[in-house]
Amino acid sequence: MASSISFLLALSLLLISSQLCVAAVHSDVPLVKGLSWNFHHSSCPNVETIVRKHLKKVFKEDVGQAAGLLRLHFHDCFVQGCDGSVLLDGSASGPSEQQAPPNLSLRSKAFEIIDDLRKLVHDKCGRVVSCADITAIAARDSVHLSGGPDYEVPLGRRDGLNFATTEATLANLPAPSSNADTILTSLATKNLDATDVVALSGGHTIGISHCSSFTERLYPSEDPTMDEDFLKDLKYNCPPNSNNTTPQDVRTPNLFDNNYYVDLIFRQGLFTSDQDLYTNKKTREIVKSFALDQELFFEKFVHAMTKMGQLSVLAGNQGEIRADCSFRNSDNPSYLKSNVADFDESKSEL
C-alpha cells in the first residue's frame, strides 16, 4: 500500500512539472539500405523546412489535424511497409486500403494535406521527393508541433505501385478491441518489441475517437476495468448508436506528452488495446515508467518511430516517385500528358 501511495505522489508531482524540451536527435536505430539522414541534401535541401512551415499554418487553424497525419503514417507503415500505399485511390483491380474498415476513420483532410505538401515540395524541387517520405516528415512534425520530441527522419523512400488488399489491411492493423497479447504478437512480426509497442501506442496522447470504436466497453455491459466516473462521462457523451467523438487523452488532448500513460494508470484508457497495456504484466511496468518519466517516453517513442518508419521500404530503383499521391504515375492522366508534351518538345529541338 505504501509503495502505491509513493508512486501516485511521485506521479502527481510530475503532472504539475513543466514540459521537457527535447532537441532534434538521430535515433540509434540502424538504417535500412537505401535510406539516409541527408538523402535530399542536394536534390531538395529545404524539403523539411517547406513541410514544417506549411504544417504550422495548418495546425494553427486546426490542431486536430496533427493526430490525423500521425495516424496516417502508422496505417501506411503497418500495411506492406512505408510506401505511401494508403494514399492511393482504388482502381479496377479493387478497393483501396482507404476503403478497408480500419481505415474508414482516417481523416480525409490528412490525405489532402499530404498532397498539398507534395505540390509545395515538387514546385520547389521538382519530382524528387516521394509521397512516402513526405508522409514520414509530416508525422514527425505533427508530433513535435504538438509538444513532442523533435527528431531526425531517415529519408529515401520510394512510393509503392500497388495498394494492399482489404484482407491484408485487416490482418496488419489490430482492432481497438484487441488485447495487449494480440497486439504484441502482431507487431512482433514487424520486429517491434514490447517497449516499441507501448511507446507507439503513446501516439494516442493526441487526437479524437468516434464512440463506435469503443462502444463495446459501454454497452450492453460495462467494462469493469474502466474507472467508474470515466465510464459515466463516456456514456453521457456516447449514447447507443452515437456518431459523437471524444478525446483519446482526457487530460491534455491536444498536447503530445506522457499523460496517455497516466490515463491508463487511472483506468481511463479509451480502447481495450490501450487499457490492457496497463493490465497486462508484460507491458505494465513499461506503462508506469513512461507515466513517471516523459523524457524516457520521448526517447523510446523516437526509437520506435524510426524502426516503424523503415518497415519494408522501397528504395533505389524500386517503386516510383508519384506526381500525385493518389495515383500511380501510370494511372495519372496529367502525368502521362506532361510526359508526352516533354517528348514532343525534345523531338522539335532535334
Protein backbone atom coordinates (compact mmCIF):
# COMPACT_ATOMS: atom_id res chain seq x y z
CA MET A 1 0.00 0.00 0.00
CA ALA A 2 2.81 2.37 0.95
CA SER A 3 4.57 1.78 -2.38
CA SER A 4 1.35 2.57 -4.29
CA ILE A 5 0.92 5.84 -2.40
CA SER A 6 4.55 6.78 -3.09
CA PHE A 7 4.11 6.05 -6.77
CA LEU A 8 0.95 8.18 -7.04
CA LEU A 9 2.63 11.01 -5.11
CA ALA A 10 5.57 11.00 -7.49
CA LEU A 11 3.16 10.90 -10.39
CA SER A 12 1.23 13.91 -9.07
CA LEU A 13 4.42 15.94 -8.75
CA LEU A 14 5.38 15.14 -12.32
CA LEU A 15 1.97 16.15 -13.62
CA ILE A 16 2.49 19.73 -12.47
CA SER A 17 6.06 20.00 -13.73
CA SER A 18 6.88 21.93 -16.86
CA GLN A 19 7.12 20.20 -20.23
CA LEU A 20 10.54 18.87 -21.19
CA CYS A 21 12.19 20.24 -24.34
CA VAL A 22 13.97 17.67 -26.44
CA ALA A 23 16.33 18.73 -29.22
CA ALA A 24 16.23 17.06 -32.62
CA VAL A 25 18.20 13.84 -32.41
CA HIS A 26 19.33 10.93 -34.54
CA SER A 27 17.97 7.61 -33.36
CA ASP A 28 20.48 4.80 -32.79
CA VAL A 29 18.33 2.51 -34.94
CA PRO A 30 20.36 1.15 -37.90
CA LEU A 31 19.25 2.49 -41.26
CA VAL A 32 18.00 0.10 -43.92
CA LYS A 33 19.76 0.02 -47.26
CA GLY A 34 18.76 2.99 -49.44
CA LEU A 35 17.76 5.40 -46.66
CA SER A 36 19.97 8.07 -45.13
CA TRP A 37 19.74 11.04 -42.79
CA ASN A 38 20.61 13.50 -45.58
CA PHE A 39 19.12 11.79 -48.63
CA HIS A 40 17.64 15.01 -50.08
CA HIS A 41 20.57 17.23 -49.08
CA SER A 42 21.41 18.01 -52.71
CA SER A 43 18.16 17.31 -54.57
CA CYS A 44 15.79 19.17 -52.22
CA PRO A 45 17.65 20.67 -49.23
CA ASN A 46 14.63 22.64 -47.99
CA VAL A 47 12.08 19.82 -48.06
CA GLU A 48 11.74 19.61 -44.27
CA THR A 49 11.53 23.38 -43.90
CA ILE A 50 8.77 23.50 -46.52
CA VAL A 51 6.77 20.80 -44.74
CA ARG A 52 7.15 22.29 -41.27
CA LYS A 53 6.30 25.83 -42.39
CA HIS A 54 3.07 24.66 -44.04
CA LEU A 55 2.04 22.43 -41.13
CA LYS A 56 2.48 25.28 -38.66
CA LYS A 57 -0.19 27.14 -40.63
CA VAL A 58 -2.45 24.08 -40.80
CA PHE A 59 -2.23 23.36 -37.08
CA LYS A 60 -2.80 27.00 -36.17
CA GLU A 61 -6.22 26.65 -37.81
CA ASP A 62 -6.92 23.10 -36.64
CA VAL A 63 -4.51 21.38 -34.25
CA GLY A 64 -6.53 18.19 -34.58
CA GLN A 65 -5.00 17.57 -37.98
CA ALA A 66 -1.72 16.64 -36.28
CA ALA A 67 -3.23 13.43 -34.93
CA GLY A 68 -4.70 12.66 -38.33
CA LEU A 69 -1.32 12.91 -40.06
CA LEU A 70 0.42 10.83 -37.41
CA ARG A 71 -2.20 8.10 -37.70
CA LEU A 72 -1.91 8.14 -41.49
CA HIS A 73 1.80 7.30 -41.20
CA PHE A 74 1.07 4.45 -38.79
CA HIS A 75 -1.57 2.95 -41.07
CA ASP A 76 0.71 3.26 -44.08
CA CYS A 77 3.72 1.58 -42.47
CA PHE A 78 1.91 -1.31 -40.77
CA VAL A 79 0.38 -2.47 -44.06
CA GLN A 80 3.02 -3.63 -46.60
CA GLY A 81 5.53 -1.08 -45.33
CA CYS A 82 6.06 2.68 -45.52
CA ASP A 83 5.40 3.02 -49.25
CA GLY A 84 2.57 5.55 -49.40
CA SER A 85 0.16 2.80 -50.49
CA VAL A 86 -2.54 4.04 -48.12
CA LEU A 87 -2.62 7.27 -50.14
CA LEU A 88 -3.63 5.52 -53.37
CA ASP A 89 -7.19 5.67 -54.65
CA GLY A 90 -8.89 2.44 -55.65
CA SER A 91 -8.84 1.16 -59.21
CA ALA A 92 -10.28 -1.52 -61.45
CA SER A 93 -8.14 -4.03 -59.56
CA GLY A 94 -10.14 -3.48 -56.39
CA PRO A 95 -10.88 -1.15 -53.46
CA SER A 96 -8.02 0.86 -51.98
CA GLU A 97 -6.60 0.49 -48.49
CA GLN A 98 -8.60 3.58 -47.56
CA GLN A 99 -11.81 1.59 -48.05
CA ALA A 100 -10.81 -1.19 -45.66
CA PRO A 101 -12.69 -0.98 -42.31
CA PRO A 102 -9.67 0.03 -40.17
CA ASN A 103 -9.00 3.00 -42.47
CA LEU A 104 -12.52 4.36 -42.84
CA SER A 105 -11.94 6.66 -39.87
CA LEU A 106 -8.74 8.17 -41.30
CA ARG A 107 -9.25 11.89 -41.76
CA SER A 108 -9.96 12.88 -45.36
CA LYS A 109 -8.21 16.18 -44.65
CA ALA A 110 -4.99 14.31 -43.85
CA PHE A 111 -4.85 12.95 -47.40
CA GLU A 112 -5.43 16.46 -48.76
CA ILE A 113 -2.67 17.90 -46.59
CA ILE A 114 -0.15 15.31 -47.80
CA ASP A 115 -0.86 16.12 -51.42
CA ASP A 116 -0.75 19.86 -50.66
CA LEU A 117 2.70 19.29 -49.21
CA ARG A 118 3.67 17.23 -52.26
CA LYS A 119 2.70 20.13 -54.53
CA LEU A 120 4.73 22.62 -52.48
CA VAL A 121 7.78 20.38 -52.43
CA HIS A 122 7.60 19.43 -56.10
CA ASP A 123 7.07 23.05 -57.15
CA LYS A 124 10.28 23.95 -55.33
CA CYS A 125 12.46 20.96 -56.15
CA GLY A 126 10.87 19.01 -58.95
CA ARG A 127 9.58 15.45 -58.60
CA VAL A 128 12.38 14.16 -56.40
CA VAL A 129 10.69 13.57 -53.01
CA SER A 130 8.25 10.69 -52.62
CA CYS A 131 4.82 10.88 -51.02
CA ALA A 132 6.04 8.22 -48.57
CA ASP A 133 8.90 10.47 -47.41
CA ILE A 134 6.57 13.47 -47.13
CA THR A 135 4.17 11.41 -45.00
CA ALA A 136 7.01 10.41 -42.67
CA ILE A 137 8.21 14.00 -42.30
CA ALA A 138 4.64 15.21 -41.68
CA ALA A 139 4.19 12.61 -38.94
CA ARG A 140 7.37 13.79 -37.20
CA ASP A 141 6.27 17.42 -37.41
CA SER A 142 2.81 16.50 -36.12
CA VAL A 143 4.48 15.09 -33.03
CA HIS A 144 6.90 17.96 -32.49
CA LEU A 145 4.49 20.81 -33.23
CA SER A 146 2.08 19.28 -30.70
CA GLY A 147 4.69 19.45 -27.95
CA GLY A 148 6.54 16.19 -28.53
CA PRO A 149 10.16 15.43 -29.37
CA ASP A 150 11.91 16.74 -32.45
CA TYR A 151 13.91 14.07 -34.21
CA GLU A 152 15.61 13.31 -37.49
CA VAL A 153 13.78 11.17 -40.06
CA PRO A 154 15.75 8.88 -42.38
CA LEU A 155 14.67 9.56 -45.97
CA GLY A 156 14.89 7.98 -49.39
CA ARG A 157 11.65 6.00 -49.51
CA ARG A 158 10.03 5.41 -52.89
CA ASP A 159 6.30 5.15 -53.47
CA GLY A 160 4.69 1.76 -53.95
CA LEU A 161 2.99 0.74 -57.18
CA ASN A 162 0.15 -1.18 -55.55
CA PHE A 163 -2.17 -0.90 -52.58
CA ALA A 164 -2.83 -3.79 -50.20
CA THR A 165 -5.99 -5.86 -50.26
CA THR A 166 -8.70 -5.43 -47.65
CA GLU A 167 -7.71 -8.80 -46.18
CA ALA A 168 -4.07 -7.73 -45.81
CA THR A 169 -5.09 -4.41 -44.28
CA LEU A 170 -7.31 -6.13 -41.72
CA ALA A 171 -4.58 -8.63 -40.89
CA ASN A 172 -1.97 -5.93 -40.23
CA LEU A 173 -3.97 -3.34 -38.26
CA PRO A 174 -5.07 -4.74 -34.87
CA ALA A 175 -8.52 -3.54 -33.84
CA PRO A 176 -9.04 -1.17 -30.86
CA SER A 177 -10.80 -4.08 -29.15
CA SER A 178 -7.61 -6.18 -29.28
CA ASN A 179 -5.88 -7.07 -26.03
CA ALA A 180 -2.20 -6.49 -25.38
CA ASP A 181 -1.18 -10.07 -26.18
CA THR A 182 -2.79 -9.83 -29.62
CA ILE A 183 -1.03 -6.54 -30.38
CA LEU A 184 2.33 -7.77 -29.10
CA THR A 185 2.09 -10.89 -31.26
CA SER A 186 1.03 -8.91 -34.33
CA LEU A 187 3.77 -6.29 -34.07
CA ALA A 188 6.47 -8.80 -33.15
CA THR A 189 6.23 -9.95 -36.78
CA LYS A 190 7.43 -6.43 -37.69
CA ASN A 191 10.39 -6.64 -35.31
CA LEU A 192 8.75 -4.33 -32.78
CA ASP A 193 9.19 -5.38 -29.15
CA ALA A 194 7.03 -4.67 -26.10
CA THR A 195 8.70 -1.32 -25.38
CA ASP A 196 8.19 -0.27 -29.01
CA VAL A 197 4.52 -1.26 -28.84
CA VAL A 198 3.86 0.70 -25.64
CA ALA A 199 5.78 3.72 -26.96
CA LEU A 200 3.97 3.78 -30.30
CA SER A 201 0.64 3.44 -28.50
CA GLY A 202 1.52 6.76 -26.88
CA GLY A 203 0.54 8.37 -30.19
CA HIS A 204 -2.96 8.23 -28.72
CA THR A 205 -1.98 11.12 -26.47
CA ILE A 206 -3.37 13.40 -29.20
CA GLY A 207 -6.49 13.11 -31.31
CA ILE A 208 -10.09 12.05 -31.00
CA SER A 209 -12.01 8.83 -31.47
CA HIS A 210 -15.50 8.01 -32.64
CA CYS A 211 -17.72 6.46 -29.99
CA SER A 212 -18.26 3.46 -32.24
CA SER A 213 -14.60 2.48 -31.76
CA PHE A 214 -15.07 1.63 -28.08
CA THR A 215 -18.83 1.25 -27.64
CA GLU A 216 -18.45 -2.45 -26.75
CA ARG A 217 -16.87 -1.30 -23.48
CA LEU A 218 -20.04 0.64 -22.63
CA TYR A 219 -22.94 -1.44 -23.98
CA PRO A 220 -24.69 -3.75 -23.34
CA SER A 221 -22.48 -4.39 -20.32
CA GLU A 222 -19.93 -2.07 -18.75
CA ASP A 223 -16.21 -2.88 -18.83
CA PRO A 224 -15.19 -3.43 -15.17
CA THR A 225 -11.60 -2.33 -15.89
CA MET A 226 -12.78 1.22 -16.64
CA ASP A 227 -12.85 3.93 -13.97
CA GLU A 228 -16.45 4.44 -12.92
CA ASP A 229 -16.53 8.23 -13.30
CA PHE A 230 -14.76 8.00 -16.65
CA LEU A 231 -17.27 5.40 -17.79
CA LYS A 232 -20.20 7.59 -16.77
CA ASP A 233 -18.78 10.53 -18.70
CA LEU A 234 -18.29 8.39 -21.79
CA LYS A 235 -21.83 7.02 -21.63
CA TYR A 236 -23.16 10.55 -21.34
CA ASN A 237 -21.21 11.65 -24.42
CA CYS A 238 -21.70 8.38 -26.28
CA PRO A 239 -25.29 7.14 -26.07
CA PRO A 240 -26.07 3.94 -28.01
CA ASN A 241 -25.51 4.26 -31.79
CA SER A 242 -23.87 7.66 -31.36
CA ASN A 243 -21.71 9.30 -34.02
CA ASN A 244 -20.08 11.57 -31.44
CA THR A 245 -16.36 11.82 -30.79
CA THR A 246 -14.27 12.13 -27.65
CA PRO A 247 -10.60 12.96 -26.89
CA GLN A 248 -8.26 9.99 -26.67
CA ASP A 249 -6.39 11.62 -23.76
CA VAL A 250 -8.78 13.29 -21.34
CA ARG A 251 -6.08 15.30 -19.58
CA THR A 252 -4.23 17.09 -22.39
CA PRO A 253 -5.98 16.09 -25.64
CA ASN A 254 -4.02 18.39 -27.97
CA LEU A 255 -0.61 18.10 -26.32
CA PHE A 256 1.87 15.36 -27.16
CA ASP A 257 3.02 14.33 -23.69
CA ASN A 258 3.04 11.32 -21.37
CA ASN A 259 -0.42 11.85 -19.91
CA TYR A 260 -1.76 8.98 -22.04
CA TYR A 261 0.08 6.63 -19.67
CA VAL A 262 -1.26 8.47 -16.65
CA ASP A 263 -4.74 7.84 -18.06
CA LEU A 264 -4.03 4.11 -18.19
CA ILE A 265 -2.87 4.01 -14.57
CA PHE A 266 -6.11 5.68 -13.51
CA ARG A 267 -8.09 3.22 -15.69
CA GLN A 268 -9.07 5.93 -18.14
CA GLY A 269 -7.78 4.40 -21.35
CA LEU A 270 -10.28 4.73 -24.18
CA PHE A 271 -9.72 1.46 -26.05
CA THR A 272 -9.22 -2.06 -24.79
CA SER A 273 -5.96 -2.00 -26.76
CA ASP A 274 -4.90 0.96 -24.61
CA GLN A 275 -6.08 -0.08 -21.17
CA ASP A 276 -4.83 -3.64 -21.44
CA LEU A 277 -1.27 -2.33 -21.76
CA TYR A 278 -1.53 -1.50 -18.05
CA THR A 279 -3.45 -4.64 -17.13
CA ASN A 280 -1.06 -7.00 -18.89
CA LYS A 281 2.02 -7.96 -16.84
CA LYS A 282 4.22 -7.90 -19.97
CA THR A 283 3.67 -4.18 -20.50
CA ARG A 284 2.50 -2.81 -17.13
CA GLU A 285 5.94 -1.74 -15.89
CA ILE A 286 6.71 -0.04 -19.20
CA VAL A 287 3.50 1.98 -18.90
CA LYS A 288 4.42 3.01 -15.36
CA SER A 289 7.94 4.03 -16.39
CA PHE A 290 6.60 6.26 -19.18
CA ALA A 291 3.99 7.79 -16.86
CA LEU A 292 6.74 8.77 -14.44
CA ASP A 293 9.35 9.88 -16.96
CA GLN A 294 8.27 11.86 -20.02
CA GLU A 295 11.85 12.13 -21.29
CA LEU A 296 12.10 8.33 -21.27
CA PHE A 297 8.84 8.07 -23.22
CA PHE A 298 10.08 10.57 -25.80
CA GLU A 299 13.35 8.67 -26.19
CA LYS A 300 11.62 5.32 -26.69
CA PHE A 301 8.99 6.84 -28.96
CA VAL A 302 11.66 8.23 -31.30
CA HIS A 303 13.39 4.84 -31.30
CA ALA A 304 10.17 3.00 -32.13
CA MET A 305 9.09 5.52 -34.78
CA THR A 306 12.45 5.21 -36.51
CA LYS A 307 12.09 1.42 -36.58
CA MET A 308 8.49 1.58 -37.79
CA GLY A 309 9.29 4.22 -40.40
CA GLN A 310 11.67 1.82 -42.12
CA LEU A 311 9.32 -1.16 -42.39
CA SER A 312 9.59 -2.80 -45.83
CA VAL A 313 10.55 0.46 -47.52
CA LEU A 314 11.17 0.70 -51.25
CA ALA A 315 14.41 2.42 -52.25
CA GLY A 316 16.80 2.86 -55.12
CA ASN A 317 15.11 1.81 -58.37
CA GLN A 318 12.12 0.23 -56.63
CA GLY A 319 8.69 1.80 -56.90
CA GLU A 320 8.43 5.37 -58.15
CA ILE A 321 8.06 8.99 -57.07
CA ARG A 322 4.42 9.83 -57.66
CA ALA A 323 3.41 13.01 -59.44
CA ASP A 324 0.15 12.82 -57.45
CA CYS A 325 -0.04 10.96 -54.15
CA SER A 326 -3.43 9.44 -55.02
CA PHE A 327 -2.39 7.80 -58.30
CA ARG A 328 0.36 5.63 -59.64
CA ASN A 329 2.09 7.54 -62.41
CA SER A 330 0.80 5.03 -64.96
CA ASP A 331 -2.77 5.85 -63.87
CA ASN A 332 -2.27 9.63 -63.78
CA PRO A 333 -3.58 11.36 -66.93
CA SER A 334 -1.88 14.66 -66.08
CA TYR A 335 1.48 12.97 -65.60
CA LEU A 336 1.18 10.98 -68.83
CA LYS A 337 0.10 14.07 -70.76
CA SER A 338 3.05 16.10 -69.47
CA ASN A 339 5.44 13.30 -70.43
CA VAL A 340 4.06 13.25 -73.98
CA ALA A 341 4.44 17.04 -74.19
CA ASP A 342 8.04 16.85 -72.96
CA PHE A 343 8.78 14.14 -75.52
CA ASP A 344 7.28 16.23 -78.36
CA GLU A 345 9.32 19.27 -77.34
CA SER A 346 12.51 17.24 -77.30
CA LYS A 347 11.80 15.99 -80.86
CA SER A 348 11.21 19.52 -82.12
CA GLU A 349 14.68 20.52 -80.92
CA LEU A 350 16.40 17.81 -82.98
